[in-house]
């Protein structure tokens, strides 16, 4: 659910091992445990969302 209350439907994967080569482990940014990173299989890019706002998995 977005901040304005509307729903955003997204199709993606958490299986980064099935994606093209990317250096995930060497990312030095601080990980936020309240945010989920995923690969959007429709837009072919990485996206994220706040776990608290997830309506249905």
C-alpha atoms as a PDB file:
ATOM      1  CA  UNK A   1       0.000   0.000   0.000  1.00  0.00           C
ATOM      2  CA  UNK A   2       1.364   3.391  -0.950  1.00  0.00           C
ATOM      3  CA  UNK A   3       1.475   6.374   1.404  1.00  0.00           C
ATOM      4  CA  UNK A   4      -1.663   7.879  -0.170  1.00  0.00           C
ATOM      5  CA  UNK A   5      -3.612   4.663   0.538  1.00  0.00           C
ATOM      6  CA  UNK A   6      -3.718   3.344  -3.015  1.00  0.00           C
ATOM      7  CA  UNK A   7      -2.464  -0.134  -3.820  1.00  0.00           C
ATOM      8  CA  UNK A   8       0.480  -0.836  -6.097  1.00  0.00           C
ATOM      9  CA  UNK A   9       0.611  -4.274  -7.643  1.00  0.00           C
ATOM     10  CA  UNK A  10       4.087  -5.544  -8.373  1.00  0.00           C
ATOM     11  CA  UNK A  11       5.393  -8.855  -9.689  1.00  0.00           C
ATOM     12  CA  UNK A  12       8.885  -9.739  -8.643  1.00  0.00           C
ATOM     13  CA  UNK A  13      11.312 -12.183  -7.122  1.00  0.00           C
ATOM     14  CA  UNK A  14      13.553 -12.466  -4.107  1.00  0.00           C
ATOM     15  CA  UNK A  15      15.678 -15.151  -5.831  1.00  0.00           C
ATOM     16  CA  UNK A  16      18.667 -12.988  -6.708  1.00  0.00           C
ATOM     17  CA  UNK A  17      20.653 -16.124  -7.602  1.00  0.00           C
ATOM     18  CA  UNK A  18      18.467 -16.441 -10.740  1.00  0.00           C
ATOM     19  CA  UNK A  19      19.185 -12.926 -11.980  1.00  0.00           C
ATOM     20  CA  UNK A  20      22.017 -11.576 -14.123  1.00  0.00           C
ATOM     21  CA  UNK A  21      25.312 -11.080 -12.305  1.00  0.00           C
ATOM     22  CA  UNK A  22      25.226  -8.286  -9.742  1.00  0.00           C
ATOM     23  CA  UNK A  23      27.483  -7.551  -6.803  1.00  0.00           C
ATOM     24  CA  UNK A  24      24.889  -7.777  -3.994  1.00  0.00           C
ATOM     25  CA  UNK A  25      27.221  -8.854  -1.227  1.00  0.00           C
ATOM     26  CA  UNK A  26      29.652  -5.981  -1.669  1.00  0.00           C
ATOM     27  CA  UNK A  27      26.981  -3.304  -1.321  1.00  0.00           C
ATOM     28  CA  UNK A  28      28.239  -1.223   1.587  1.00  0.00           C
ATOM     29  CA  UNK A  29      25.002   0.644   2.259  1.00  0.00           C
ATOM     30  CA  UNK A  30      23.441   0.088   5.668  1.00  0.00           C
ATOM     31  CA  UNK A  31      20.651  -2.497   5.447  1.00  0.00           C
ATOM     32  CA  UNK A  32      17.275  -1.426   6.824  1.00  0.00           C
ATOM     33  CA  UNK A  33      15.410  -4.421   8.299  1.00  0.00           C
ATOM     34  CA  UNK A  34      12.036  -2.710   7.719  1.00  0.00           C
ATOM     35  CA  UNK A  35      12.575  -2.444   3.943  1.00  0.00           C
ATOM     36  CA  UNK A  36      12.432  -5.359   1.491  1.00  0.00           C
ATOM     37  CA  UNK A  37      14.491  -5.298  -1.710  1.00  0.00           C
ATOM     38  CA  UNK A  38      13.128  -7.265  -4.675  1.00  0.00           C
ATOM     39  CA  UNK A  39      13.644  -7.540  -8.416  1.00  0.00           C
ATOM     40  CA  UNK A  40      10.595  -6.353 -10.381  1.00  0.00           C
ATOM     41  CA  UNK A  41      10.194  -8.906 -13.185  1.00  0.00           C
ATOM     42  CA  UNK A  42       7.951  -6.587 -15.220  1.00  0.00           C
ATOM     43  CA  UNK A  43      10.133  -3.459 -15.064  1.00  0.00           C
ATOM     44  CA  UNK A  44      13.412  -5.448 -14.989  1.00  0.00           C
ATOM     45  CA  UNK A  45      14.894  -3.407 -12.169  1.00  0.00           C
ATOM     46  CA  UNK A  46      15.348  -3.506  -8.430  1.00  0.00           C
ATOM     47  CA  UNK A  47      12.609  -2.011  -6.251  1.00  0.00           C
ATOM     48  CA  UNK A  48      11.890  -1.910  -2.545  1.00  0.00           C
ATOM     49  CA  UNK A  49       8.974  -1.439  -0.202  1.00  0.00           C
ATOM     50  CA  UNK A  50       8.328  -1.040   3.492  1.00  0.00           C
ATOM     51  CA  UNK A  51       7.465  -4.453   4.914  1.00  0.00           C
ATOM     52  CA  UNK A  52       4.792  -2.890   7.126  1.00  0.00           C
ATOM     53  CA  UNK A  53       2.890  -1.767   3.990  1.00  0.00           C
ATOM     54  CA  UNK A  54       2.764  -5.216   2.376  1.00  0.00           C
ATOM     55  CA  UNK A  55      -0.883  -6.200   1.913  1.00  0.00           C
ATOM     56  CA  UNK A  56      -0.574  -9.676   0.367  1.00  0.00           C
ATOM     57  CA  UNK A  57       2.313 -11.858  -0.705  1.00  0.00           C
END
